[in-house]
Amino acid sequence: MSEGTRDDHVKHYGPWAWAAGIAFGVAMMAFMFYLADGFL
């Protein structure tokens, strides 16, 4: 069997980029809640 042609972002950018993206999403959501109704 030959190597697959799939190009995963985790393989290309590494797992830290994936973790940073999730953390950025959580931070952006918390900031929106903070602006909307004083969540933090």
N, C-alpha and C. Protein backbone atom coordinates (compact mmCIF):
# COMPACT_ATOMS: atom_id res chain seq x y z
N MET A 1 0.84 -1.20 0.00
CA MET A 1 0.00 0.00 0.00
C MET A 1 0.88 1.25 0.00
N SER A 2 0.49 2.18 -0.79
CA SER A 2 1.24 3.43 -0.85
C SER A 2 0.76 4.39 0.23
N GLU A 3 1.53 5.39 0.45
CA GLU A 3 1.19 6.45 1.43
C GLU A 3 -0.08 7.17 0.95
N GLY A 4 -0.93 7.52 1.90
CA GLY A 4 -2.15 8.23 1.55
C GLY A 4 -1.87 9.65 1.06
N THR A 5 -2.82 10.22 0.37
CA THR A 5 -2.64 11.57 -0.15
C THR A 5 -3.25 12.62 0.78
N ARG A 6 -3.74 12.20 1.91
CA ARG A 6 -4.37 13.12 2.84
C ARG A 6 -3.31 14.01 3.50
N ASP A 7 -3.60 15.31 3.60
CA ASP A 7 -2.66 16.27 4.19
C ASP A 7 -3.34 16.92 5.40
N ASP A 8 -3.15 16.33 6.56
CA ASP A 8 -3.79 16.84 7.77
C ASP A 8 -3.10 18.11 8.26
N HIS A 9 -3.89 19.00 8.82
CA HIS A 9 -3.32 20.23 9.38
C HIS A 9 -2.43 19.94 10.58
N VAL A 10 -2.77 18.92 11.36
CA VAL A 10 -1.94 18.59 12.52
C VAL A 10 -0.57 18.12 12.06
N LYS A 11 -0.51 17.36 10.98
CA LYS A 11 0.79 16.93 10.46
C LYS A 11 1.57 18.11 9.91
N HIS A 12 0.87 19.04 9.26
CA HIS A 12 1.55 20.18 8.62
C HIS A 12 1.98 21.24 9.63
N TYR A 13 1.09 21.62 10.54
CA TYR A 13 1.39 22.70 11.48
C TYR A 13 1.79 22.22 12.86
N GLY A 14 1.52 20.98 13.19
CA GLY A 14 1.85 20.44 14.50
C GLY A 14 0.69 20.58 15.48
N PRO A 15 0.74 19.84 16.57
CA PRO A 15 -0.38 19.84 17.52
C PRO A 15 -0.54 21.15 18.28
N TRP A 16 0.53 21.95 18.38
CA TRP A 16 0.42 23.20 19.13
C TRP A 16 -0.44 24.23 18.40
N ALA A 17 -0.44 24.20 17.07
CA ALA A 17 -1.30 25.10 16.32
C ALA A 17 -2.77 24.74 16.53
N TRP A 18 -3.07 23.44 16.60
CA TRP A 18 -4.43 22.99 16.88
C TRP A 18 -4.86 23.46 18.27
N ALA A 19 -4.00 23.29 19.26
CA ALA A 19 -4.32 23.71 20.62
C ALA A 19 -4.47 25.23 20.71
N ALA A 20 -3.65 25.96 19.98
CA ALA A 20 -3.75 27.42 19.98
C ALA A 20 -5.06 27.87 19.34
N GLY A 21 -5.51 27.18 18.31
CA GLY A 21 -6.78 27.51 17.67
C GLY A 21 -7.95 27.30 18.60
N ILE A 22 -7.94 26.19 19.33
CA ILE A 22 -9.01 25.92 20.30
C ILE A 22 -8.98 26.98 21.41
N ALA A 23 -7.79 27.29 21.92
CA ALA A 23 -7.67 28.29 22.98
C ALA A 23 -8.12 29.66 22.50
N PHE A 24 -7.81 30.01 21.25
CA PHE A 24 -8.24 31.28 20.69
C PHE A 24 -9.77 31.34 20.60
N GLY A 25 -10.39 30.24 20.19
CA GLY A 25 -11.85 30.19 20.12
C GLY A 25 -12.49 30.34 21.48
N VAL A 26 -11.94 29.68 22.48
CA VAL A 26 -12.47 29.79 23.85
C VAL A 26 -12.29 31.21 24.37
N ALA A 27 -11.12 31.80 24.13
CA ALA A 27 -10.87 33.17 24.59
C ALA A 27 -11.79 34.16 23.90
N MET A 28 -12.03 33.98 22.60
CA MET A 28 -12.91 34.89 21.88
C MET A 28 -14.34 34.77 22.39
N MET A 29 -14.79 33.54 22.68
CA MET A 29 -16.14 33.35 23.21
C MET A 29 -16.27 33.97 24.60
N ALA A 30 -15.26 33.80 25.45
CA ALA A 30 -15.30 34.40 26.79
C ALA A 30 -15.31 35.92 26.69
N PHE A 31 -14.55 36.49 25.75
CA PHE A 31 -14.54 37.94 25.56
C PHE A 31 -15.90 38.45 25.10
N MET A 32 -16.55 37.71 24.21
CA MET A 32 -17.88 38.12 23.75
C MET A 32 -18.89 38.07 24.90
N PHE A 33 -18.81 37.04 25.74
CA PHE A 33 -19.68 36.99 26.91
C PHE A 33 -19.38 38.14 27.87
N TYR A 34 -18.11 38.47 28.01
CA TYR A 34 -17.70 39.58 28.88
C TYR A 34 -18.29 40.89 28.39
N LEU A 35 -18.25 41.12 27.08
CA LEU A 35 -18.82 42.35 26.54
C LEU A 35 -20.34 42.36 26.64
N ALA A 36 -20.96 41.22 26.47
CA ALA A 36 -22.43 41.16 26.39
C ALA A 36 -23.08 41.34 27.77
N ASP A 37 -22.63 40.57 28.76
CA ASP A 37 -23.35 40.63 30.03
C ASP A 37 -22.48 40.44 31.26
N GLY A 38 -21.26 40.81 31.21
CA GLY A 38 -20.42 40.75 32.41
C GLY A 38 -20.19 39.35 32.93
N PHE A 39 -19.89 38.41 32.02
CA PHE A 39 -19.70 37.01 32.39
C PHE A 39 -18.50 36.83 33.31
N LEU A 40 -17.41 37.56 33.07
CA LEU A 40 -16.18 37.36 33.86
C LEU A 40 -16.07 38.38 34.98
